[in-house]
Amino acid sequence: AEGDNPLCGDHYTIRLKVDQGVVEGVGF
């Protein structure tokens, strides 16, 4: 997913690996 805070310019994309309901990998 991707997100934005237009007031201060924050912008992030978060990527996950979810397997059988468990977060096994993360990155942004």
PDB file of all heavy atoms in Angstrom:
ATOM      1  N   ALA A   1       0.862  -1.177   0.000  1.00  0.00           N
ATOM      2  CA  ALA A   1       0.000   0.000   0.000  1.00  0.00           C
ATOM      3  C   ALA A   1       0.898   1.227   0.000  1.00  0.00           C
ATOM      4  O   ALA A   1       2.083   1.154   0.346  1.00  0.00           O
ATOM      5  CB  ALA A   1      -0.929   0.007   1.203  1.00  0.00           C
ATOM      6  N   GLU A   2       0.310   2.337  -0.388  1.00  0.00           N
ATOM      7  CA  GLU A   2       1.029   3.588  -0.504  1.00  0.00           C
ATOM      8  C   GLU A   2       0.271   4.653   0.270  1.00  0.00           C
ATOM      9  O   GLU A   2      -0.960   4.639   0.308  1.00  0.00           O
ATOM     10  CB  GLU A   2       1.086   3.952  -1.986  1.00  0.00           C
ATOM     11  CG  GLU A   2       1.991   5.058  -2.353  1.00  0.00           C
ATOM     12  CD  GLU A   2       2.048   5.220  -3.872  1.00  0.00           C
ATOM     13  OE1 GLU A   2       1.553   4.369  -4.622  1.00  0.00           O
ATOM     14  OE2 GLU A   2       2.611   6.248  -4.276  1.00  0.00           O
ATOM     15  N   GLY A   3       0.999   5.576   0.897  1.00  0.00           N
ATOM     16  CA  GLY A   3       0.345   6.611   1.678  1.00  0.00           C
ATOM     17  C   GLY A   3       1.044   7.940   1.582  1.00  0.00           C
ATOM     18  O   GLY A   3       2.232   8.018   1.273  1.00  0.00           O
ATOM     19  N   ASP A   4       0.263   8.984   1.883  1.00  0.00           N
ATOM     20  CA  ASP A   4       0.739  10.343   1.690  1.00  0.00           C
ATOM     21  C   ASP A   4       0.216  11.237   2.814  1.00  0.00           C
ATOM     22  O   ASP A   4      -0.938  11.119   3.218  1.00  0.00           O
ATOM     23  CB  ASP A   4       0.199  10.830   0.337  1.00  0.00           C
ATOM     24  CG  ASP A   4       0.719  12.176  -0.072  1.00  0.00           C
ATOM     25  OD1 ASP A   4       1.912  12.433   0.126  1.00  0.00           O
ATOM     26  OD2 ASP A   4      -0.076  12.970  -0.600  1.00  0.00           O
ATOM     27  N   ASN A   5       1.084  12.111   3.308  1.00  0.00           N
ATOM     28  CA  ASN A   5       0.695  13.159   4.245  1.00  0.00           C
ATOM     29  C   ASN A   5       0.942  14.477   3.511  1.00  0.00           C
ATOM     30  O   ASN A   5       2.050  15.002   3.532  1.00  0.00           O
ATOM     31  CB  ASN A   5       1.522  13.077   5.529  1.00  0.00           C
ATOM     32  CG  ASN A   5       1.137  14.138   6.543  1.00  0.00           C
ATOM     33  OD1 ASN A   5       0.387  15.051   6.260  1.00  0.00           O
ATOM     34  ND2 ASN A   5       1.689  14.019   7.736  1.00  0.00           N
ATOM     35  N   PRO A   6      -0.065  15.012   2.838  1.00  0.00           N
ATOM     36  CA  PRO A   6       0.145  16.181   1.980  1.00  0.00           C
ATOM     37  C   PRO A   6       0.607  17.436   2.718  1.00  0.00           C
ATOM     38  O   PRO A   6       1.270  18.274   2.124  1.00  0.00           O
ATOM     39  CB  PRO A   6      -1.206  16.410   1.319  1.00  0.00           C
ATOM     40  CG  PRO A   6      -2.166  15.489   1.930  1.00  0.00           C
ATOM     41  CD  PRO A   6      -1.432  14.528   2.795  1.00  0.00           C
ATOM     42  N   LEU A   7       0.301  17.566   3.999  1.00  0.00           N
ATOM     43  CA  LEU A   7       0.691  18.777   4.726  1.00  0.00           C
ATOM     44  C   LEU A   7       2.199  18.909   4.902  1.00  0.00           C
ATOM     45  O   LEU A   7       2.736  20.001   4.844  1.00  0.00           O
ATOM     46  CB  LEU A   7       0.011  18.830   6.090  1.00  0.00           C
ATOM     47  CG  LEU A   7      -1.449  19.240   6.068  1.00  0.00           C
ATOM     48  CD1 LEU A   7      -2.020  19.239   7.476  1.00  0.00           C
ATOM     49  CD2 LEU A   7      -1.619  20.606   5.436  1.00  0.00           C
ATOM     50  N   CYS A   8       2.885  17.774   5.117  1.00  0.00           N
ATOM     51  CA  CYS A   8       4.336  17.890   5.319  1.00  0.00           C
ATOM     52  C   CYS A   8       5.139  17.131   4.262  1.00  0.00           C
ATOM     53  O   CYS A   8       6.357  17.131   4.313  1.00  0.00           O
ATOM     54  CB  CYS A   8       4.736  17.470   6.726  1.00  0.00           C
ATOM     55  SG  CYS A   8       4.507  15.754   7.088  1.00  0.00           S
ATOM     56  N   GLY A   9       4.461  16.474   3.325  1.00  0.00           N
ATOM     57  CA  GLY A   9       5.169  15.832   2.222  1.00  0.00           C
ATOM     58  C   GLY A   9       5.632  14.412   2.475  1.00  0.00           C
ATOM     59  O   GLY A   9       6.347  13.851   1.639  1.00  0.00           O
ATOM     60  N   ASP A  10       5.255  13.811   3.591  1.00  0.00           N
ATOM     61  CA  ASP A  10       5.624  12.414   3.842  1.00  0.00           C
ATOM     62  C   ASP A  10       4.918  11.524   2.820  1.00  0.00           C
ATOM     63  O   ASP A  10       3.734  11.715   2.540  1.00  0.00           O
ATOM     64  CB  ASP A  10       5.187  11.973   5.239  1.00  0.00           C
ATOM     65  CG  ASP A  10       5.814  12.793   6.359  1.00  0.00           C
ATOM     66  OD1 ASP A  10       6.840  13.440   6.119  1.00  0.00           O
ATOM     67  OD2 ASP A  10       5.261  12.771   7.463  1.00  0.00           O
ATOM     68  N   HIS A  11       5.652  10.572   2.284  1.00  0.00           N
ATOM     69  CA  HIS A  11       5.073   9.648   1.300  1.00  0.00           C
ATOM     70  C   HIS A  11       5.806   8.313   1.416  1.00  0.00           C
ATOM     71  O   HIS A  11       7.031   8.276   1.283  1.00  0.00           O
ATOM     72  CB  HIS A  11       5.221  10.203  -0.117  1.00  0.00           C
ATOM     73  CG  HIS A  11       4.521   9.362  -1.127  1.00  0.00           C
ATOM     74  ND1 HIS A  11       3.245   9.629  -1.552  1.00  0.00           N
ATOM     75  CD2 HIS A  11       4.900   8.242  -1.793  1.00  0.00           C
ATOM     76  CE1 HIS A  11       2.874   8.714  -2.429  1.00  0.00           C
ATOM     77  NE2 HIS A  11       3.864   7.863  -2.590  1.00  0.00           N
ATOM     78  N   TYR A  12       5.066   7.238   1.675  1.00  0.00           N
ATOM     79  CA  TYR A  12       5.680   5.923   1.852  1.00  0.00           C
ATOM     80  C   TYR A  12       4.908   4.826   1.132  1.00  0.00           C
ATOM     81  O   TYR A  12       3.683   4.898   1.004  1.00  0.00           O
ATOM     82  CB  TYR A  12       5.778   5.541   3.340  1.00  0.00           C
ATOM     83  CG  TYR A  12       6.730   6.411   4.101  1.00  0.00           C
ATOM     84  CD1 TYR A  12       6.275   7.370   4.977  1.00  0.00           C
ATOM     85  CD2 TYR A  12       8.105   6.286   3.911  1.00  0.00           C
ATOM     86  CE1 TYR A  12       7.159   8.190   5.657  1.00  0.00           C
ATOM     87  CE2 TYR A  12       8.986   7.105   4.584  1.00  0.00           C
ATOM     88  CZ  TYR A  12       8.514   8.056   5.456  1.00  0.00           C
ATOM     89  OH  TYR A  12       9.396   8.872   6.120  1.00  0.00           O
ATOM     90  N   THR A  13       5.657   3.830   0.699  1.00  0.00           N
ATOM     91  CA  THR A  13       5.092   2.587   0.193  1.00  0.00           C
ATOM     92  C   THR A  13       5.576   1.492   1.125  1.00  0.00           C
ATOM     93  O   THR A  13       6.774   1.421   1.431  1.00  0.00           O
ATOM     94  CB  THR A  13       5.560   2.282  -1.240  1.00  0.00           C
ATOM     95  OG1 THR A  13       5.139   3.356  -2.087  1.00  0.00           O
ATOM     96  CG2 THR A  13       4.990   0.971  -1.747  1.00  0.00           C
ATOM     97  N   ILE A  14       4.660   0.669   1.580  1.00  0.00           N
ATOM     98  CA  ILE A  14       5.004  -0.445   2.463  1.00  0.00           C
ATOM     99  C   ILE A  14       4.689  -1.736   1.731  1.00  0.00           C
ATOM    100  O   ILE A  14       3.621  -1.870   1.126  1.00  0.00           O
ATOM    101  CB  ILE A  14       4.238  -0.358   3.797  1.00  0.00           C
ATOM    102  CG1 ILE A  14       4.750   0.854   4.572  1.00  0.00           C
ATOM    103  CG2 ILE A  14       4.381  -1.645   4.609  1.00  0.00           C
ATOM    104  CD1 ILE A  14       4.072   1.102   5.883  1.00  0.00           C
ATOM    105  N   ARG A  15       5.648  -2.666   1.776  1.00  0.00           N
ATOM    106  CA  ARG A  15       5.471  -3.979   1.159  1.00  0.00           C
ATOM    107  C   ARG A  15       5.626  -5.048   2.235  1.00  0.00           C
ATOM    108  O   ARG A  15       6.506  -4.956   3.088  1.00  0.00           O
ATOM    109  CB  ARG A  15       6.487  -4.185   0.053  1.00  0.00           C
ATOM    110  CG  ARG A  15       6.238  -3.289  -1.136  1.00  0.00           C
ATOM    111  CD  ARG A  15       7.218  -3.572  -2.276  1.00  0.00           C
ATOM    112  NE  ARG A  15       6.888  -2.783  -3.442  1.00  0.00           N
ATOM    113  CZ  ARG A  15       7.246  -1.514  -3.609  1.00  0.00           C
ATOM    114  NH1 ARG A  15       7.946  -0.897  -2.688  1.00  0.00           N
ATOM    115  NH2 ARG A  15       6.899  -0.863  -4.710  1.00  0.00           N
ATOM    116  N   LEU A  16       4.767  -6.058   2.146  1.00  0.00           N
ATOM    117  CA  LEU A  16       4.769  -7.132   3.121  1.00  0.00           C
ATOM    118  C   LEU A  16       4.754  -8.480   2.420  1.00  0.00           C
ATOM    119  O   LEU A  16       4.213  -8.610   1.323  1.00  0.00           O
ATOM    120  CB  LEU A  16       3.512  -7.065   3.996  1.00  0.00           C
ATOM    121  CG  LEU A  16       3.196  -5.768   4.710  1.00  0.00           C
ATOM    122  CD1 LEU A  16       1.804  -5.834   5.323  1.00  0.00           C
ATOM    123  CD2 LEU A  16       4.238  -5.477   5.765  1.00  0.00           C
ATOM    124  N   LYS A  17       5.305  -9.445   3.094  1.00  0.00           N
ATOM    125  CA  LYS A  17       5.087 -10.838   2.725  1.00  0.00           C
ATOM    126  C   LYS A  17       4.280 -11.423   3.872  1.00  0.00           C
ATOM    127  O   LYS A  17       4.753 -11.482   5.009  1.00  0.00           O
ATOM    128  CB  LYS A  17       6.385 -11.607   2.557  1.00  0.00           C
ATOM    129  CG  LYS A  17       6.114 -13.082   2.236  1.00  0.00           C
ATOM    130  CD  LYS A  17       7.362 -13.905   2.170  1.00  0.00           C
ATOM    131  CE  LYS A  17       6.970 -15.356   1.884  1.00  0.00           C
ATOM    132  NZ  LYS A  17       8.122 -16.238   1.997  1.00  0.00           N
ATOM    133  N   VAL A  18       3.056 -11.822   3.554  1.00  0.00           N
ATOM    134  CA  VAL A  18       2.174 -12.428   4.550  1.00  0.00           C
ATOM    135  C   VAL A  18       1.909 -13.854   4.098  1.00  0.00           C
ATOM    136  O   VAL A  18       1.495 -14.090   2.967  1.00  0.00           O
ATOM    137  CB  VAL A  18       0.846 -11.645   4.692  1.00  0.00           C
ATOM    138  CG1 VAL A  18      -0.066 -12.313   5.708  1.00  0.00           C
ATOM    139  CG2 VAL A  18       1.119 -10.202   5.079  1.00  0.00           C
ATOM    140  N   ASP A  19       2.211 -14.803   4.974  1.00  0.00           N
ATOM    141  CA  ASP A  19       1.999 -16.207   4.658  1.00  0.00           C
ATOM    142  C   ASP A  19       1.211 -16.852   5.794  1.00  0.00           C
ATOM    143  O   ASP A  19       1.630 -16.780   6.951  1.00  0.00           O
ATOM    144  CB  ASP A  19       3.337 -16.910   4.464  1.00  0.00           C
ATOM    145  CG  ASP A  19       3.192 -18.324   3.918  1.00  0.00           C
ATOM    146  OD1 ASP A  19       2.157 -18.625   3.284  1.00  0.00           O
ATOM    147  OD2 ASP A  19       4.115 -19.123   4.129  1.00  0.00           O
ATOM    148  N   GLN A  20       0.081 -17.426   5.460  1.00  0.00           N
ATOM    149  CA  GLN A  20      -0.797 -18.088   6.422  1.00  0.00           C
ATOM    150  C   GLN A  20      -1.106 -17.187   7.619  1.00  0.00           C
ATOM    151  O   GLN A  20      -1.086 -17.615   8.769  1.00  0.00           O
ATOM    152  CB  GLN A  20      -0.206 -19.424   6.862  1.00  0.00           C
ATOM    153  CG  GLN A  20      -0.086 -20.398   5.718  1.00  0.00           C
ATOM    154  CD  GLN A  20       0.434 -21.757   6.158  1.00  0.00           C
ATOM    155  OE1 GLN A  20       0.561 -22.049   7.343  1.00  0.00           O
ATOM    156  NE2 GLN A  20       0.720 -22.601   5.180  1.00  0.00           N
ATOM    157  N   GLY A  21      -1.350 -15.889   7.299  1.00  0.00           N
ATOM    158  CA  GLY A  21      -1.748 -14.945   8.330  1.00  0.00           C
ATOM    159  C   GLY A  21      -0.626 -14.393   9.182  1.00  0.00           C
ATOM    160  O   GLY A  21      -0.875 -13.678  10.148  1.00  0.00           O
ATOM    161  N   VAL A  22       0.647 -14.682   8.829  1.00  0.00           N
ATOM    162  CA  VAL A  22       1.796 -14.193   9.597  1.00  0.00           C
ATOM    163  C   VAL A  22       2.638 -13.269   8.711  1.00  0.00           C
ATOM    164  O   VAL A  22       2.928 -13.590   7.557  1.00  0.00           O
ATOM    165  CB  VAL A  22       2.666 -15.366  10.107  1.00  0.00           C
ATOM    166  CG1 VAL A  22       3.902 -14.858  10.836  1.00  0.00           C
ATOM    167  CG2 VAL A  22       1.841 -16.267  11.018  1.00  0.00           C
ATOM    168  N   VAL A  23       3.038 -12.129   9.258  1.00  0.00           N
ATOM    169  CA  VAL A  23       3.890 -11.180   8.538  1.00  0.00           C
ATOM    170  C   VAL A  23       5.315 -11.721   8.573  1.00  0.00           C
ATOM    171  O   VAL A  23       5.979 -11.694   9.613  1.00  0.00           O
ATOM    172  CB  VAL A  23       3.819  -9.769   9.159  1.00  0.00           C
ATOM    173  CG1 VAL A  23       4.741  -8.817   8.415  1.00  0.00           C
ATOM    174  CG2 VAL A  23       2.389  -9.257   9.166  1.00  0.00           C
ATOM    175  N   GLU A  24       5.783 -12.224   7.426  1.00  0.00           N
ATOM    176  CA  GLU A  24       7.104 -12.864   7.361  1.00  0.00           C
ATOM    177  C   GLU A  24       8.173 -11.989   6.723  1.00  0.00           C
ATOM    178  O   GLU A  24       9.356 -12.305   6.815  1.00  0.00           O
ATOM    179  CB  GLU A  24       6.990 -14.183   6.609  1.00  0.00           C
ATOM    180  CG  GLU A  24       6.167 -15.205   7.361  1.00  0.00           C
ATOM    181  CD  GLU A  24       6.188 -16.570   6.701  1.00  0.00           C
ATOM    182  OE1 GLU A  24       6.697 -16.699   5.566  1.00  0.00           O
ATOM    183  OE2 GLU A  24       5.695 -17.514   7.335  1.00  0.00           O
ATOM    184  N   GLY A  25       7.769 -10.918   6.064  1.00  0.00           N
ATOM    185  CA  GLY A  25       8.733 -10.016   5.450  1.00  0.00           C
ATOM    186  C   GLY A  25       8.156  -8.618   5.390  1.00  0.00           C
ATOM    187  O   GLY A  25       6.947  -8.443   5.216  1.00  0.00           O
ATOM    188  N   VAL A  26       9.017  -7.608   5.561  1.00  0.00           N
ATOM    189  CA  VAL A  26       8.572  -6.217   5.580  1.00  0.00           C
ATOM    190  C   VAL A  26       9.587  -5.329   4.873  1.00  0.00           C
ATOM    191  O   VAL A  26      10.775  -5.642   4.826  1.00  0.00           O
ATOM    192  CB  VAL A  26       8.363  -5.700   7.023  1.00  0.00           C
ATOM    193  CG1 VAL A  26       7.266  -6.459   7.731  1.00  0.00           C
ATOM    194  CG2 VAL A  26       9.652  -5.775   7.840  1.00  0.00           C
ATOM    195  N   GLY A  27       9.118  -4.227   4.340  1.00  0.00           N
ATOM    196  CA  GLY A  27       9.999  -3.239   3.744  1.00  0.00           C
ATOM    197  C   GLY A  27       9.223  -1.969   3.443  1.00  0.00           C
ATOM    198  O   GLY A  27       8.009  -1.999   3.271  1.00  0.00           O
ATOM    199  N   PHE A  28       9.954  -0.835   3.413  1.00  0.00           N
ATOM    200  CA  PHE A  28       9.291   0.413   3.046  1.00  0.00           C
ATOM    201  C   PHE A  28      10.232   1.298   2.252  1.00  0.00           C
ATOM    202  O   PHE A  28      11.452   1.184   2.332  1.00  0.00           O
ATOM    203  CB  PHE A  28       8.719   1.134   4.267  1.00  0.00           C
ATOM    204  CG  PHE A  28       9.697   1.895   5.142  1.00  0.00           C
ATOM    205  CD1 PHE A  28       9.707   3.279   5.143  1.00  0.00           C
ATOM    206  CD2 PHE A  28      10.566   1.233   6.005  1.00  0.00           C
ATOM    207  CE1 PHE A  28      10.566   3.989   5.979  1.00  0.00           C
ATOM    208  CE2 PHE A  28      11.416   1.925   6.841  1.00  0.00           C
ATOM    209  CZ  PHE A  28      11.424   3.318   6.822  1.00  0.00           C
TER     210      PHE A  28
END
